[in-house]
Amino acid sequence: PIIVMSAMFDVPRAATALQALGVRACLAKPFDIENLLSLVSEF
């Protein structure tokens, strides 16, 4: 499971390309630590 965290690109616009790589979730920086921990526990 790959969770992408980035401030370098527009995460929603890149979603299709990320899904092709099997990325399970995307978080835009700055991100909420609780959201990250929730995703990690999910996967």
PDB file of all heavy atoms in Angstrom:
ATOM      1  N   PRO A   1       0.835  -1.200   0.000  1.00  0.00           N
ATOM      2  CA  PRO A   1       0.000   0.000   0.000  1.00  0.00           C
ATOM      3  C   PRO A   1       0.875   1.259   0.000  1.00  0.00           C
ATOM      4  O   PRO A   1       1.752   1.404   0.839  1.00  0.00           O
ATOM      5  CB  PRO A   1      -0.798  -0.090   1.299  1.00  0.00           C
ATOM      6  CG  PRO A   1      -0.583  -1.452   1.824  1.00  0.00           C
ATOM      7  CD  PRO A   1       0.674  -1.977   1.222  1.00  0.00           C
ATOM      8  N   ILE A   2       0.640   2.131  -0.956  1.00  0.00           N
ATOM      9  CA  ILE A   2       1.383   3.383  -1.027  1.00  0.00           C
ATOM     10  C   ILE A   2       0.417   4.533  -0.751  1.00  0.00           C
ATOM     11  O   ILE A   2      -0.644   4.615  -1.350  1.00  0.00           O
ATOM     12  CB  ILE A   2       2.031   3.576  -2.416  1.00  0.00           C
ATOM     13  CG1 ILE A   2       3.066   2.477  -2.670  1.00  0.00           C
ATOM     14  CG2 ILE A   2       2.665   4.962  -2.524  1.00  0.00           C
ATOM     15  CD1 ILE A   2       3.657   2.511  -4.064  1.00  0.00           C
ATOM     16  N   ILE A   3       0.816   5.384   0.190  1.00  0.00           N
ATOM     17  CA  ILE A   3       0.076   6.603   0.499  1.00  0.00           C
ATOM     18  C   ILE A   3       0.967   7.762   0.069  1.00  0.00           C
ATOM     19  O   ILE A   3       2.091   7.892   0.542  1.00  0.00           O
ATOM     20  CB  ILE A   3      -0.253   6.710   1.997  1.00  0.00           C
ATOM     21  CG1 ILE A   3      -1.108   5.529   2.447  1.00  0.00           C
ATOM     22  CG2 ILE A   3      -0.940   8.048   2.298  1.00  0.00           C
ATOM     23  CD1 ILE A   3      -1.298   5.445   3.949  1.00  0.00           C
ATOM     24  N   VAL A   4       0.477   8.584  -0.832  1.00  0.00           N
ATOM     25  CA  VAL A   4       1.247   9.718  -1.343  1.00  0.00           C
ATOM     26  C   VAL A   4       0.958  10.947  -0.501  1.00  0.00           C
ATOM     27  O   VAL A   4      -0.189  11.249  -0.208  1.00  0.00           O
ATOM     28  CB  VAL A   4       0.875  10.000  -2.820  1.00  0.00           C
ATOM     29  CG1 VAL A   4       1.482  11.306  -3.286  1.00  0.00           C
ATOM     30  CG2 VAL A   4       1.323   8.852  -3.691  1.00  0.00           C
ATOM     31  N   MET A   5       2.039  11.641  -0.115  1.00  0.00           N
ATOM     32  CA  MET A   5       1.938  12.921   0.571  1.00  0.00           C
ATOM     33  C   MET A   5       2.771  13.910  -0.231  1.00  0.00           C
ATOM     34  O   MET A   5       3.963  13.681  -0.423  1.00  0.00           O
ATOM     35  CB  MET A   5       2.476  12.812   1.990  1.00  0.00           C
ATOM     36  CG  MET A   5       1.658  11.890   2.861  1.00  0.00           C
ATOM     37  SD  MET A   5       2.407  11.607   4.464  1.00  0.00           S
ATOM     38  CE  MET A   5       3.647  10.404   4.020  1.00  0.00           C
ATOM     39  N   SER A   6       2.145  14.968  -0.716  1.00  0.00           N
ATOM     40  CA  SER A   6       2.891  15.895  -1.556  1.00  0.00           C
ATOM     41  C   SER A   6       2.326  17.306  -1.490  1.00  0.00           C
ATOM     42  O   SER A   6       1.126  17.497  -1.364  1.00  0.00           O
ATOM     43  CB  SER A   6       2.873  15.421  -3.005  1.00  0.00           C
ATOM     44  OG  SER A   6       3.613  16.302  -3.813  1.00  0.00           O
ATOM     45  N   ALA A   7       3.236  18.252  -1.602  1.00  0.00           N
ATOM     46  CA  ALA A   7       2.864  19.657  -1.755  1.00  0.00           C
ATOM     47  C   ALA A   7       3.250  20.128  -3.149  1.00  0.00           C
ATOM     48  O   ALA A   7       3.037  21.275  -3.503  1.00  0.00           O
ATOM     49  CB  ALA A   7       3.575  20.510  -0.705  1.00  0.00           C
ATOM     50  N   MET A   8       3.807  19.214  -3.957  1.00  0.00           N
ATOM     51  CA  MET A   8       4.377  19.576  -5.240  1.00  0.00           C
ATOM     52  C   MET A   8       3.401  19.549  -6.405  1.00  0.00           C
ATOM     53  O   MET A   8       3.698  20.042  -7.462  1.00  0.00           O
ATOM     54  CB  MET A   8       5.563  18.665  -5.560  1.00  0.00           C
ATOM     55  CG  MET A   8       6.677  18.757  -4.552  1.00  0.00           C
ATOM     56  SD  MET A   8       7.334  20.429  -4.375  1.00  0.00           S
ATOM     57  CE  MET A   8       8.048  20.660  -5.984  1.00  0.00           C
ATOM     58  N   PHE A   9       2.258  18.912  -6.257  1.00  0.00           N
ATOM     59  CA  PHE A   9       1.326  18.836  -7.371  1.00  0.00           C
ATOM     60  C   PHE A   9      -0.099  18.828  -6.847  1.00  0.00           C
ATOM     61  O   PHE A   9      -0.341  18.633  -5.672  1.00  0.00           O
ATOM     62  CB  PHE A   9       1.593  17.607  -8.251  1.00  0.00           C
ATOM     63  CG  PHE A   9       1.419  16.292  -7.540  1.00  0.00           C
ATOM     64  CD1 PHE A   9       0.209  15.632  -7.555  1.00  0.00           C
ATOM     65  CD2 PHE A   9       2.472  15.712  -6.865  1.00  0.00           C
ATOM     66  CE1 PHE A   9       0.044  14.425  -6.908  1.00  0.00           C
ATOM     67  CE2 PHE A   9       2.319  14.501  -6.214  1.00  0.00           C
ATOM     68  CZ  PHE A   9       1.102  13.860  -6.242  1.00  0.00           C
ATOM     69  N   ASP A  10      -1.011  19.017  -7.729  1.00  0.00           N
ATOM     70  CA  ASP A  10      -2.427  19.014  -7.403  1.00  0.00           C
ATOM     71  C   ASP A  10      -2.877  17.560  -7.273  1.00  0.00           C
ATOM     72  O   ASP A  10      -3.069  16.872  -8.271  1.00  0.00           O
ATOM     73  CB  ASP A  10      -3.182  19.735  -8.510  1.00  0.00           C
ATOM     74  CG  ASP A  10      -4.668  19.845  -8.245  1.00  0.00           C
ATOM     75  OD1 ASP A  10      -5.155  19.274  -7.248  1.00  0.00           O
ATOM     76  OD2 ASP A  10      -5.342  20.514  -9.040  1.00  0.00           O
ATOM     77  N   VAL A  11      -3.020  17.085  -6.058  1.00  0.00           N
ATOM     78  CA  VAL A  11      -3.329  15.675  -5.809  1.00  0.00           C
ATOM     79  C   VAL A  11      -4.589  15.212  -6.546  1.00  0.00           C
ATOM     80  O   VAL A  11      -4.553  14.184  -7.220  1.00  0.00           O
ATOM     81  CB  VAL A  11      -3.417  15.388  -4.292  1.00  0.00           C
ATOM     82  CG1 VAL A  11      -3.906  13.980  -4.028  1.00  0.00           C
ATOM     83  CG2 VAL A  11      -2.066  15.603  -3.639  1.00  0.00           C
ATOM     84  N   PRO A  12      -5.695  15.936  -6.475  1.00  0.00           N
ATOM     85  CA  PRO A  12      -6.884  15.443  -7.192  1.00  0.00           C
ATOM     86  C   PRO A  12      -6.672  15.287  -8.697  1.00  0.00           C
ATOM     87  O   PRO A  12      -7.149  14.322  -9.295  1.00  0.00           O
ATOM     88  CB  PRO A  12      -7.945  16.501  -6.896  1.00  0.00           C
ATOM     89  CG  PRO A  12      -7.512  17.111  -5.610  1.00  0.00           C
ATOM     90  CD  PRO A  12      -5.999  17.110  -5.673  1.00  0.00           C
ATOM     91  N   ARG A  13      -5.937  16.199  -9.325  1.00  0.00           N
ATOM     92  CA  ARG A  13      -5.699  16.096 -10.774  1.00  0.00           C
ATOM     93  C   ARG A  13      -4.786  14.925 -11.108  1.00  0.00           C
ATOM     94  O   ARG A  13      -4.854  14.368 -12.198  1.00  0.00           O
ATOM     95  CB  ARG A  13      -5.086  17.386 -11.305  1.00  0.00           C
ATOM     96  CG  ARG A  13      -6.092  18.524 -11.365  1.00  0.00           C
ATOM     97  CD  ARG A  13      -5.516  19.740 -12.022  1.00  0.00           C
ATOM     98  NE  ARG A  13      -5.043  19.419 -13.365  1.00  0.00           N
ATOM     99  CZ  ARG A  13      -4.106  20.087 -13.998  1.00  0.00           C
ATOM    100  NH1 ARG A  13      -3.517  21.110 -13.423  1.00  0.00           N
ATOM    101  NH2 ARG A  13      -3.742  19.747 -15.212  1.00  0.00           N
ATOM    102  N   ALA A  14      -3.917  14.544 -10.189  1.00  0.00           N
ATOM    103  CA  ALA A  14      -2.977  13.453 -10.434  1.00  0.00           C
ATOM    104  C   ALA A  14      -3.560  12.093 -10.056  1.00  0.00           C
ATOM    105  O   ALA A  14      -2.917  11.075 -10.238  1.00  0.00           O
ATOM    106  CB  ALA A  14      -1.693  13.694  -9.655  1.00  0.00           C
ATOM    107  N   ALA A  15      -4.779  12.067  -9.559  1.00  0.00           N
ATOM    108  CA  ALA A  15      -5.374  10.836  -9.038  1.00  0.00           C
ATOM    109  C   ALA A  15      -5.370   9.689 -10.045  1.00  0.00           C
ATOM    110  O   ALA A  15      -5.084   8.547  -9.690  1.00  0.00           O
ATOM    111  CB  ALA A  15      -6.791  11.104  -8.536  1.00  0.00           C
ATOM    112  N   THR A  16      -5.657   9.956 -11.297  1.00  0.00           N
ATOM    113  CA  THR A  16      -5.703   8.895 -12.309  1.00  0.00           C
ATOM    114  C   THR A  16      -4.331   8.246 -12.476  1.00  0.00           C
ATOM    115  O   THR A  16      -4.210   7.030 -12.484  1.00  0.00           O
ATOM    116  CB  THR A  16      -6.193   9.444 -13.656  1.00  0.00           C
ATOM    117  OG1 THR A  16      -7.486  10.011 -13.462  1.00  0.00           O
ATOM    118  CG2 THR A  16      -6.265   8.350 -14.692  1.00  0.00           C
ATOM    119  N   ALA A  17      -3.303   9.065 -12.600  1.00  0.00           N
ATOM    120  CA  ALA A  17      -1.946   8.533 -12.751  1.00  0.00           C
ATOM    121  C   ALA A  17      -1.523   7.769 -11.500  1.00  0.00           C
ATOM    122  O   ALA A  17      -0.893   6.711 -11.589  1.00  0.00           O
ATOM    123  CB  ALA A  17      -0.961   9.660 -13.026  1.00  0.00           C
ATOM    124  N   LEU A  18      -1.897   8.281 -10.352  1.00  0.00           N
ATOM    125  CA  LEU A  18      -1.546   7.612  -9.104  1.00  0.00           C
ATOM    126  C   LEU A  18      -2.265   6.271  -8.978  1.00  0.00           C
ATOM    127  O   LEU A  18      -1.676   5.282  -8.550  1.00  0.00           O
ATOM    128  CB  LEU A  18      -1.882   8.512  -7.912  1.00  0.00           C
ATOM    129  CG  LEU A  18      -1.061   9.794  -7.819  1.00  0.00           C
ATOM    130  CD1 LEU A  18      -1.635  10.713  -6.748  1.00  0.00           C
ATOM    131  CD2 LEU A  18       0.404   9.482  -7.542  1.00  0.00           C
ATOM    132  N   GLN A  19      -3.516   6.219  -9.369  1.00  0.00           N
ATOM    133  CA  GLN A  19      -4.260   4.962  -9.318  1.00  0.00           C
ATOM    134  C   GLN A  19      -3.634   3.924 -10.237  1.00  0.00           C
ATOM    135  O   GLN A  19      -3.607   2.739  -9.913  1.00  0.00           O
ATOM    136  CB  GLN A  19      -5.726   5.186  -9.685  1.00  0.00           C
ATOM    137  CG  GLN A  19      -6.499   5.877  -8.589  1.00  0.00           C
ATOM    138  CD  GLN A  19      -7.933   6.188  -9.005  1.00  0.00           C
ATOM    139  OE1 GLN A  19      -8.306   6.034 -10.151  1.00  0.00           O
ATOM    140  NE2 GLN A  19      -8.726   6.630  -8.044  1.00  0.00           N
ATOM    141  N   ALA A  20      -3.106   4.344 -11.362  1.00  0.00           N
ATOM    142  CA  ALA A  20      -2.444   3.422 -12.286  1.00  0.00           C
ATOM    143  C   ALA A  20      -1.214   2.791 -11.635  1.00  0.00           C
ATOM    144  O   ALA A  20      -0.844   1.672 -11.989  1.00  0.00           O
ATOM    145  CB  ALA A  20      -2.054   4.144 -13.571  1.00  0.00           C
ATOM    146  N   LEU A  21      -0.602   3.484 -10.693  1.00  0.00           N
ATOM    147  CA  LEU A  21       0.546   2.953  -9.961  1.00  0.00           C
ATOM    148  C   LEU A  21       0.124   2.161  -8.730  1.00  0.00           C
ATOM    149  O   LEU A  21       0.968   1.659  -7.998  1.00  0.00           O
ATOM    150  CB  LEU A  21       1.479   4.085  -9.532  1.00  0.00           C
ATOM    151  CG  LEU A  21       2.235   4.782 -10.647  1.00  0.00           C
ATOM    152  CD1 LEU A  21       2.987   5.983 -10.083  1.00  0.00           C
ATOM    153  CD2 LEU A  21       3.203   3.816 -11.312  1.00  0.00           C
ATOM    154  N   GLY A  22      -1.169   2.076  -8.495  1.00  0.00           N
ATOM    155  CA  GLY A  22      -1.649   1.336  -7.336  1.00  0.00           C
ATOM    156  C   GLY A  22      -1.583   2.113  -6.043  1.00  0.00           C
ATOM    157  O   GLY A  22      -1.590   1.534  -4.966  1.00  0.00           O
ATOM    158  N   VAL A  23      -1.515   3.433  -6.140  1.00  0.00           N
ATOM    159  CA  VAL A  23      -1.506   4.263  -4.938  1.00  0.00           C
ATOM    160  C   VAL A  23      -2.877   4.162  -4.280  1.00  0.00           C
ATOM    161  O   VAL A  23      -3.903   4.288  -4.936  1.00  0.00           O
ATOM    162  CB  VAL A  23      -1.153   5.729  -5.282  1.00  0.00           C
ATOM    163  CG1 VAL A  23      -1.354   6.637  -4.095  1.00  0.00           C
ATOM    164  CG2 VAL A  23       0.283   5.801  -5.788  1.00  0.00           C
ATOM    165  N   ARG A  24      -2.889   3.897  -2.991  1.00  0.00           N
ATOM    166  CA  ARG A  24      -4.140   3.676  -2.280  1.00  0.00           C
ATOM    167  C   ARG A  24      -4.783   4.948  -1.757  1.00  0.00           C
ATOM    168  O   ARG A  24      -5.991   5.002  -1.584  1.00  0.00           O
ATOM    169  CB  ARG A  24      -3.909   2.726  -1.097  1.00  0.00           C
ATOM    170  CG  ARG A  24      -3.292   1.409  -1.476  1.00  0.00           C
ATOM    171  CD  ARG A  24      -4.340   0.425  -2.009  1.00  0.00           C
ATOM    172  NE  ARG A  24      -3.739  -0.785  -2.476  1.00  0.00           N
ATOM    173  CZ  ARG A  24      -3.414  -1.827  -1.726  1.00  0.00           C
ATOM    174  NH1 ARG A  24      -3.624  -1.795  -0.432  1.00  0.00           N
ATOM    175  NH2 ARG A  24      -2.868  -2.893  -2.259  1.00  0.00           N
ATOM    176  N   ALA A  25      -3.959   5.971  -1.471  1.00  0.00           N
ATOM    177  CA  ALA A  25      -4.508   7.215  -0.930  1.00  0.00           C
ATOM    178  C   ALA A  25      -3.539   8.360  -1.194  1.00  0.00           C
ATOM    179  O   ALA A  25      -2.350   8.136  -1.387  1.00  0.00           O
ATOM    180  CB  ALA A  25      -4.757   7.081   0.572  1.00  0.00           C
ATOM    181  N   CYS A  26      -4.084   9.568  -1.191  1.00  0.00           N
ATOM    182  CA  CYS A  26      -3.294  10.776  -1.417  1.00  0.00           C
ATOM    183  C   CYS A  26      -3.614  11.795  -0.332  1.00  0.00           C
ATOM    184  O   CYS A  26      -4.776  12.003  -0.009  1.00  0.00           O
ATOM    185  CB  CYS A  26      -3.631  11.396  -2.767  1.00  0.00           C
ATOM    186  SG  CYS A  26      -3.429  10.315  -4.157  1.00  0.00           S
ATOM    187  N   LEU A  27      -2.579  12.405   0.190  1.00  0.00           N
ATOM    188  CA  LEU A  27      -2.735  13.484   1.152  1.00  0.00           C
ATOM    189  C   LEU A  27      -1.955  14.688   0.652  1.00  0.00           C
ATOM    190  O   LEU A  27      -0.779  14.560   0.297  1.00  0.00           O
ATOM    191  CB  LEU A  27      -2.191  13.081   2.526  1.00  0.00           C
ATOM    192  CG  LEU A  27      -2.929  11.974   3.274  1.00  0.00           C
ATOM    193  CD1 LEU A  27      -2.156  11.595   4.536  1.00  0.00           C
ATOM    194  CD2 LEU A  27      -4.323  12.419   3.623  1.00  0.00           C
ATOM    195  N   ALA A  28      -2.602  15.823   0.622  1.00  0.00           N
ATOM    196  CA  ALA A  28      -1.913  17.059   0.250  1.00  0.00           C
ATOM    197  C   ALA A  28      -1.261  17.646   1.502  1.00  0.00           C
ATOM    198  O   ALA A  28      -1.845  17.626   2.584  1.00  0.00           O
ATOM    199  CB  ALA A  28      -2.909  18.045  -0.345  1.00  0.00           C
ATOM    200  N   LYS A  29      -0.025  18.114   1.346  1.00  0.00           N
ATOM    201  CA  LYS A  29       0.654  18.776   2.461  1.00  0.00           C
ATOM    202  C   LYS A  29       0.202  20.219   2.535  1.00  0.00           C
ATOM    203  O   LYS A  29      -0.004  20.834   1.492  1.00  0.00           O
ATOM    204  CB  LYS A  29       2.168  18.731   2.252  1.00  0.00           C
ATOM    205  CG  LYS A  29       2.748  17.359   2.369  1.00  0.00           C
ATOM    206  CD  LYS A  29       4.248  17.442   2.167  1.00  0.00           C
ATOM    207  CE  LYS A  29       4.895  16.087   2.188  1.00  0.00           C
ATOM    208  NZ  LYS A  29       6.349  16.177   1.947  1.00  0.00           N
ATOM    209  N   PRO A  30       0.072  20.770   3.706  1.00  0.00           N
ATOM    210  CA  PRO A  30       0.208  20.088   4.987  1.00  0.00           C
ATOM    211  C   PRO A  30      -0.986  19.169   5.226  1.00  0.00           C
ATOM    212  O   PRO A  30      -2.107  19.467   4.809  1.00  0.00           O
ATOM    213  CB  PRO A  30       0.228  21.222   5.997  1.00  0.00           C
ATOM    214  CG  PRO A  30      -0.514  22.336   5.339  1.00  0.00           C
ATOM    215  CD  PRO A  30      -0.280  22.175   3.855  1.00  0.00           C
ATOM    216  N   PHE A  31      -0.738  18.048   5.866  1.00  0.00           N
ATOM    217  CA  PHE A  31      -1.795  17.082   6.119  1.00  0.00           C
ATOM    218  C   PHE A  31      -2.027  16.957   7.619  1.00  0.00           C
ATOM    219  O   PHE A  31      -1.171  17.308   8.429  1.00  0.00           O
ATOM    220  CB  PHE A  31      -1.457  15.720   5.508  1.00  0.00           C
ATOM    221  CG  PHE A  31      -0.179  15.130   6.035  1.00  0.00           C
ATOM    222  CD1 PHE A  31      -0.189  14.342   7.182  1.00  0.00           C
ATOM    223  CD2 PHE A  31       1.017  15.372   5.408  1.00  0.00           C
ATOM    224  CE1 PHE A  31       0.984  13.809   7.672  1.00  0.00           C
ATOM    225  CE2 PHE A  31       2.196  14.837   5.888  1.00  0.00           C
ATOM    226  CZ  PHE A  31       2.184  14.052   7.030  1.00  0.00           C
ATOM    227  N   ASP A  32      -3.179  16.445   7.956  1.00  0.00           N
ATOM    228  CA  ASP A  32      -3.546  16.227   9.353  1.00  0.00           C
ATOM    229  C   ASP A  32      -3.005  14.870   9.781  1.00  0.00           C
ATOM    230  O   ASP A  32      -3.263  13.859   9.124  1.00  0.00           O
ATOM    231  CB  ASP A  32      -5.071  16.278   9.486  1.00  0.00           C
ATOM    232  CG  ASP A  32      -5.526  16.055  10.898  1.00  0.00           C
ATOM    233  OD1 ASP A  32      -5.357  16.970  11.729  1.00  0.00           O
ATOM    234  OD2 ASP A  32      -6.036  14.943  11.170  1.00  0.00           O
ATOM    235  N   ILE A  33      -2.269  14.831  10.866  1.00  0.00           N
ATOM    236  CA  ILE A  33      -1.651  13.588  11.325  1.00  0.00           C
ATOM    237  C   ILE A  33      -2.696  12.515  11.630  1.00  0.00           C
ATOM    238  O   ILE A  33      -2.466  11.325  11.396  1.00  0.00           O
ATOM    239  CB  ILE A  33      -0.711  13.826  12.532  1.00  0.00           C
ATOM    240  CG1 ILE A  33       0.138  12.586  12.825  1.00  0.00           C
ATOM    241  CG2 ILE A  33      -1.516  14.224  13.767  1.00  0.00           C
ATOM    242  CD1 ILE A  33       1.149  12.275  11.788  1.00  0.00           C
ATOM    243  N   GLU A  34      -3.854  12.925  12.107  1.00  0.00           N
ATOM    244  CA  GLU A  34      -4.910  11.944  12.398  1.00  0.00           C
ATOM    245  C   GLU A  34      -5.395  11.274  11.111  1.00  0.00           C
ATOM    246  O   GLU A  34      -5.684  10.077  11.101  1.00  0.00           O
ATOM    247  CB  GLU A  34      -6.068  12.601  13.151  1.00  0.00           C
ATOM    248  CG  GLU A  34      -5.699  13.057  14.551  1.00  0.00           C
ATOM    249  CD  GLU A  34      -5.205  11.927  15.445  1.00  0.00           C
ATOM    250  OE1 GLU A  34      -5.739  10.804  15.366  1.00  0.00           O
ATOM    251  OE2 GLU A  34      -4.260  12.171  16.226  1.00  0.00           O
ATOM    252  N   ASN A  35      -5.476  12.036  10.027  1.00  0.00           N
ATOM    253  CA  ASN A  35      -5.856  11.442   8.738  1.00  0.00           C
ATOM    254  C   ASN A  35      -4.815  10.427   8.281  1.00  0.00           C
ATOM    255  O   ASN A  35      -5.156   9.347   7.794  1.00  0.00           O
ATOM    256  CB  ASN A  35      -6.030  12.516   7.663  1.00  0.00           C
ATOM    257  CG  ASN A  35      -7.263  13.346   7.862  1.00  0.00           C
ATOM    258  OD1 ASN A  35      -8.160  12.977   8.617  1.00  0.00           O
ATOM    259  ND2 ASN A  35      -7.313  14.474   7.197  1.00  0.00           N
ATOM    260  N   LEU A  36      -3.535  10.771   8.430  1.00  0.00           N
ATOM    261  CA  LEU A  36      -2.469   9.847   8.048  1.00  0.00           C
ATOM    262  C   LEU A  36      -2.532   8.573   8.886  1.00  0.00           C
ATOM    263  O   LEU A  36      -2.482   7.467   8.346  1.00  0.00           O
ATOM    264  CB  LEU A  36      -1.099  10.507   8.200  1.00  0.00           C
ATOM    265  CG  LEU A  36       0.097   9.584   7.970  1.00  0.00           C
ATOM    266  CD1 LEU A  36       0.097   9.004   6.561  1.00  0.00           C
ATOM    267  CD2 LEU A  36       1.393  10.319   8.261  1.00  0.00           C
ATOM    268  N   LEU A  37      -2.654   8.716  10.183  1.00  0.00           N
ATOM    269  CA  LEU A  37      -2.715   7.540  11.061  1.00  0.00           C
ATOM    270  C   LEU A  37      -3.924   6.671  10.742  1.00  0.00           C
ATOM    271  O   LEU A  37      -3.842   5.437  10.779  1.00  0.00           O
ATOM    272  CB  LEU A  37      -2.725   7.967  12.530  1.00  0.00           C
ATOM    273  CG  LEU A  37      -1.428   8.630  13.017  1.00  0.00           C
ATOM    274  CD1 LEU A  37      -1.604   9.141  14.439  1.00  0.00           C
ATOM    275  CD2 LEU A  37      -0.257   7.691  12.895  1.00  0.00           C
ATOM    276  N   SER A  38      -5.029   7.277  10.415  1.00  0.00           N
ATOM    277  CA  SER A  38      -6.226   6.538  10.030  1.00  0.00           C
ATOM    278  C   SER A  38      -5.976   5.729   8.774  1.00  0.00           C
ATOM    279  O   SER A  38      -6.357   4.549   8.678  1.00  0.00           O
ATOM    280  CB  SER A  38      -7.392   7.497   9.845  1.00  0.00           C
ATOM    281  OG  SER A  38      -8.525   6.818   9.377  1.00  0.00           O
ATOM    282  N   LEU A  39      -5.341   6.340   7.771  1.00  0.00           N
ATOM    283  CA  LEU A  39      -5.043   5.625   6.521  1.00  0.00           C
ATOM    284  C   LEU A  39      -4.063   4.486   6.767  1.00  0.00           C
ATOM    285  O   LEU A  39      -4.238   3.385   6.233  1.00  0.00           O
ATOM    286  CB  LEU A  39      -4.461   6.582   5.487  1.00  0.00           C
ATOM    287  CG  LEU A  39      -5.468   7.540   4.857  1.00  0.00           C
ATOM    288  CD1 LEU A  39      -4.737   8.602   4.052  1.00  0.00           C
ATOM    289  CD2 LEU A  39      -6.434   6.776   3.968  1.00  0.00           C
ATOM    290  N   VAL A  40      -3.039   4.737   7.565  1.00  0.00           N
ATOM    291  CA  VAL A  40      -2.060   3.689   7.859  1.00  0.00           C
ATOM    292  C   VAL A  40      -2.745   2.510   8.539  1.00  0.00           C
ATOM    293  O   VAL A  40      -2.512   1.357   8.162  1.00  0.00           O
ATOM    294  CB  VAL A  40      -0.899   4.241   8.712  1.00  0.00           C
ATOM    295  CG1 VAL A  40      -0.024   3.117   9.242  1.00  0.00           C
ATOM    296  CG2 VAL A  40      -0.075   5.227   7.904  1.00  0.00           C
ATOM    297  N   SER A  41      -3.601   2.769   9.508  1.00  0.00           N
ATOM    298  CA  SER A  41      -4.283   1.663  10.185  1.00  0.00           C
ATOM    299  C   SER A  41      -5.244   0.943   9.244  1.00  0.00           C
ATOM    300  O   SER A  41      -5.439  -0.265   9.364  1.00  0.00           O
ATOM    301  CB  SER A  41      -5.017   2.158  11.431  1.00  0.00           C
ATOM    302  OG  SER A  41      -6.085   2.998  11.089  1.00  0.00           O
ATOM    303  N   GLU A  42      -5.812   1.653   8.298  1.00  0.00           N
ATOM    304  CA  GLU A  42      -6.712   1.045   7.325  1.00  0.00           C
ATOM    305  C   GLU A  42      -5.981   0.034   6.448  1.00  0.00           C
ATOM    306  O   GLU A  42      -6.523  -1.010   6.091  1.00  0.00           O
ATOM    307  CB  GLU A  42      -7.341   2.132   6.462  1.00  0.00           C
ATOM    308  CG  GLU A  42      -8.307   1.642   5.428  1.00  0.00           C
ATOM    309  CD  GLU A  42      -8.890   2.761   4.598  1.00  0.00           C
ATOM    310  OE1 GLU A  42      -8.944   3.904   5.063  1.00  0.00           O
ATOM    311  OE2 GLU A  42      -9.277   2.468   3.453  1.00  0.00           O
ATOM    312  N   PHE A  43      -4.748   0.333   6.071  1.00  0.00           N
ATOM    313  CA  PHE A  43      -3.997  -0.512   5.148  1.00  0.00           C
ATOM    314  C   PHE A  43      -3.034  -1.475   5.843  1.00  0.00           C
ATOM    315  O   PHE A  43      -2.399  -2.279   5.193  1.00  0.00           O
ATOM    316  CB  PHE A  43      -3.239   0.338   4.134  1.00  0.00           C
ATOM    317  CG  PHE A  43      -4.142   1.171   3.283  1.00  0.00           C
ATOM    318  CD1 PHE A  43      -4.042   2.541   3.267  1.00  0.00           C
ATOM    319  CD2 PHE A  43      -5.124   0.587   2.491  1.00  0.00           C
ATOM    320  CE1 PHE A  43      -4.874   3.315   2.499  1.00  0.00           C
ATOM    321  CE2 PHE A  43      -5.973   1.353   1.712  1.00  0.00           C
ATOM    322  CZ  PHE A  43      -5.843   2.720   1.725  1.00  0.00           C
TER     323      PHE A  43
END
